[in-house]
Amino acid sequence: MKKKLFILISILAISCNNDETNTQTDKTSINLITGINLRETSDDSELQLQFGNPNVLTNNKFLIYPNPASESVYILAQENVTDVWLVSANPEKIYQDVNFNNILNTNLYSEQSIISHSNFSLNKQSSKNFSVNISTLAKGYYKVFIKIGGIIYWDNLYKYENGGDNEEQFNTIKNFWK
């Protein structure tokens, strides 16, 4: 009987797998979006809607509008922007209580890492205000990385299909994040 019990315990111990890990995305993953700021215009006094807990680092250096967008987005910066990259990202309703101000910093993502993940890039710019045609990008969420004065900042963007109704797009985003 003791031998059978020992064998049973041994089998149970072997069958337990320590490889089971938490598959939750790392809070600093380049492809993670934990929330989004919606904006129709560049007017700071206009109401901006926030859904989730956006993992963005703009440091008030730039604005992207409209968000969501279908064909073009406008970038309005305090200083000249030299490079723009869009990286496809996945929205997840995780880390909603995290203070990203304590985690995110301008050295978090290397330029090479951003370039290697990029779906779109616009390089060698020298302007504070310009538009970016995003009509060829697939519908979905993107991290928009902006290089200003050699420093990289980012915001989250939702791109919808051309011809989509703005209210319908807003409701899609709102329903996901509630």
Protein backbone atom coordinates (compact mmCIF):
# COMPACT_ATOMS: atom_id res chain seq x y z
CA MET A 1 0.00 0.00 0.00
CA LYS A 2 2.82 2.43 0.87
CA LYS A 3 4.51 1.59 -2.42
CA LYS A 4 1.33 2.38 -4.39
CA LEU A 5 0.91 5.65 -2.48
CA PHE A 6 4.53 6.57 -3.20
CA ILE A 7 4.05 5.81 -6.92
CA LEU A 8 0.84 7.84 -7.01
CA ILE A 9 2.52 10.84 -5.33
CA SER A 10 5.48 10.52 -7.70
CA ILE A 11 3.21 10.52 -10.74
CA LEU A 12 1.34 13.54 -9.43
CA ALA A 13 4.58 15.39 -8.75
CA ILE A 14 5.89 14.65 -12.24
CA SER A 15 2.62 15.66 -13.87
CA CYS A 16 2.67 19.09 -12.20
CA ASN A 17 4.24 21.40 -14.71
CA ASN A 18 6.28 24.36 -13.51
CA ASP A 19 6.21 25.73 -17.06
CA GLU A 20 2.74 27.13 -16.46
CA THR A 21 3.31 30.86 -16.47
CA ASN A 22 1.18 33.92 -16.34
CA THR A 23 0.60 34.77 -19.98
CA GLN A 24 -0.39 38.35 -19.21
CA THR A 25 1.42 40.82 -21.44
CA ASP A 26 4.27 42.76 -19.84
CA LYS A 27 3.16 46.31 -18.95
CA THR A 28 5.97 47.81 -21.05
CA SER A 29 5.39 45.68 -24.16
CA ILE A 30 5.77 47.71 -27.35
CA ASN A 31 2.61 46.07 -28.74
CA LEU A 32 0.35 46.69 -25.72
CA ILE A 33 -2.39 49.32 -25.55
CA THR A 34 -4.13 49.67 -22.19
CA GLY A 35 -6.30 52.63 -23.09
CA ILE A 36 -6.80 55.45 -25.54
CA ASN A 37 -7.41 59.20 -25.61
CA LEU A 38 -9.95 60.28 -28.21
CA ARG A 39 -9.68 63.72 -29.76
CA GLU A 40 -11.46 65.28 -32.72
CA THR A 41 -9.36 68.46 -33.07
CA SER A 42 -6.17 70.03 -31.76
CA ASP A 43 -8.12 72.37 -29.48
CA ASP A 44 -6.98 71.64 -25.91
CA SER A 45 -10.11 73.23 -24.48
CA GLU A 46 -12.32 70.77 -26.35
CA LEU A 47 -13.41 67.74 -24.39
CA GLN A 48 -11.08 64.80 -24.82
CA LEU A 49 -12.39 61.36 -23.96
CA GLN A 50 -10.27 58.75 -22.27
CA PHE A 51 -11.02 55.04 -22.24
CA GLY A 52 -9.02 52.58 -20.19
CA ASN A 53 -5.68 53.63 -18.72
CA PRO A 54 -3.61 54.86 -21.70
CA ASN A 55 0.02 53.72 -21.62
CA VAL A 56 1.28 56.79 -23.47
CA LEU A 57 4.21 59.15 -23.04
CA THR A 58 3.58 62.48 -24.74
CA ASN A 59 4.95 64.82 -22.04
CA ASN A 60 2.70 67.46 -23.65
CA LYS A 61 5.16 67.57 -26.58
CA PHE A 62 2.62 66.69 -29.29
CA LEU A 63 -0.99 65.91 -30.17
CA ILE A 64 -2.42 63.45 -32.67
CA TYR A 65 -5.87 64.17 -34.03
CA PRO A 66 -8.42 63.04 -34.96
CA ASN A 67 -8.38 59.87 -32.93
CA PRO A 68 -9.96 57.59 -34.09
CA ALA A 69 -9.09 58.25 -37.74
CA SER A 70 -9.55 56.56 -41.08
CA GLU A 71 -7.46 58.32 -43.73
CA SER A 72 -5.18 60.91 -42.16
CA VAL A 73 -4.01 62.02 -38.77
CA TYR A 74 -2.47 65.36 -37.94
CA ILE A 75 0.52 65.80 -35.71
CA LEU A 76 0.92 69.07 -33.87
CA ALA A 77 4.15 69.37 -31.89
CA GLN A 78 5.90 72.05 -29.85
CA GLU A 79 9.18 71.40 -31.69
CA ASN A 80 10.16 69.93 -35.04
CA VAL A 81 9.36 66.25 -35.46
CA THR A 82 12.06 64.29 -37.30
CA ASP A 83 10.60 60.77 -37.41
CA VAL A 84 7.23 59.03 -37.04
CA TRP A 85 6.59 55.29 -36.72
CA LEU A 86 3.34 53.39 -36.34
CA VAL A 87 3.48 50.02 -34.62
CA SER A 88 0.51 47.65 -34.72
CA ALA A 89 -0.68 47.00 -31.17
CA ASN A 90 -3.21 44.94 -29.24
CA PRO A 91 -5.68 46.49 -26.83
CA GLU A 92 -5.98 44.69 -23.51
CA LYS A 93 -8.04 45.68 -20.50
CA ILE A 94 -5.18 45.05 -18.10
CA TYR A 95 -3.11 47.32 -15.85
CA GLN A 96 -6.04 49.67 -15.35
CA ASP A 97 -4.77 50.67 -11.88
CA VAL A 98 -1.11 51.13 -12.87
CA ASN A 99 0.41 54.61 -12.73
CA PHE A 100 2.25 54.61 -16.05
CA ASN A 101 3.95 57.90 -15.13
CA ASN A 102 6.15 55.83 -12.82
CA ILE A 103 6.97 53.19 -15.46
CA LEU A 104 7.18 54.81 -18.88
CA ASN A 105 10.21 56.88 -19.85
CA THR A 106 11.86 58.15 -23.01
CA ASN A 107 14.53 55.42 -22.88
CA LEU A 108 12.05 52.53 -22.66
CA TYR A 109 12.06 51.61 -26.37
CA SER A 110 15.13 51.81 -28.53
CA GLU A 111 14.79 53.37 -31.95
CA GLN A 112 15.95 50.10 -33.51
CA SER A 113 13.25 48.14 -31.66
CA ILE A 114 10.60 50.59 -32.86
CA ILE A 115 11.86 50.39 -36.44
CA SER A 116 11.86 46.58 -36.39
CA HIS A 117 8.21 46.49 -35.15
CA SER A 118 7.03 49.35 -37.37
CA ASN A 119 4.20 48.99 -39.91
CA PHE A 120 4.73 52.51 -41.22
CA SER A 121 7.45 55.14 -40.98
CA LEU A 122 7.95 58.73 -42.01
CA ASN A 123 11.57 59.83 -41.70
CA LYS A 124 13.66 62.96 -42.05
CA GLN A 125 10.82 65.35 -41.28
CA SER A 126 11.38 68.88 -40.06
CA SER A 127 8.02 70.26 -39.13
CA LYS A 128 5.87 71.00 -36.11
CA ASN A 129 2.53 70.50 -37.86
CA PHE A 130 1.83 67.99 -40.63
CA SER A 131 -0.53 65.23 -41.72
CA VAL A 132 0.17 61.53 -42.07
CA ASN A 133 -1.80 59.42 -44.54
CA ILE A 134 -2.78 56.19 -42.77
CA SER A 135 -5.34 54.98 -45.33
CA THR A 136 -3.24 51.96 -46.33
CA LEU A 137 -2.96 50.65 -42.78
CA ALA A 138 -5.25 47.88 -41.55
CA LYS A 139 -8.05 48.67 -39.14
CA GLY A 140 -6.92 48.45 -35.54
CA TYR A 141 -4.85 49.95 -32.77
CA TYR A 142 -1.42 51.47 -33.25
CA LYS A 143 1.24 53.04 -31.10
CA VAL A 144 2.42 56.22 -32.78
CA PHE A 145 6.05 56.96 -31.95
CA ILE A 146 7.33 60.48 -32.56
CA LYS A 147 10.95 61.62 -32.39
CA ILE A 148 11.37 65.21 -31.24
CA GLY A 149 14.81 66.63 -30.48
CA GLY A 150 16.30 63.14 -30.51
CA ILE A 151 13.81 61.91 -27.87
CA ILE A 152 11.03 59.42 -28.58
CA TYR A 153 7.48 59.91 -27.29
CA TRP A 154 4.30 57.98 -28.11
CA ASP A 155 0.53 57.97 -28.12
CA ASN A 156 -2.13 55.37 -28.97
CA LEU A 157 -4.30 55.56 -32.08
CA TYR A 158 -7.30 53.67 -33.41
CA LYS A 159 -7.54 53.41 -37.21
CA TYR A 160 -10.90 52.46 -38.69
CA GLU A 161 -11.90 51.52 -42.21
CA ASN A 162 -12.62 54.30 -44.64
CA GLY A 163 -16.33 54.87 -45.03
CA GLY A 164 -17.07 53.97 -41.45
CA ASP A 165 -19.53 56.05 -39.50
CA ASN A 166 -17.87 58.13 -36.74
CA GLU A 167 -20.57 57.31 -34.20
CA GLU A 168 -20.29 53.61 -35.01
CA GLN A 169 -16.50 53.75 -34.56
CA PHE A 170 -16.85 55.60 -31.28
CA ASN A 171 -19.34 53.00 -30.02
CA THR A 172 -17.00 50.15 -31.04
CA ILE A 173 -14.17 51.69 -29.01
CA LYS A 174 -16.41 52.61 -26.08
CA ASN A 175 -17.96 49.13 -25.93
CA PHE A 176 -14.56 47.46 -25.90
CA TRP A 177 -13.18 49.58 -23.03
CA LYS A 178 -16.23 49.61 -20.75
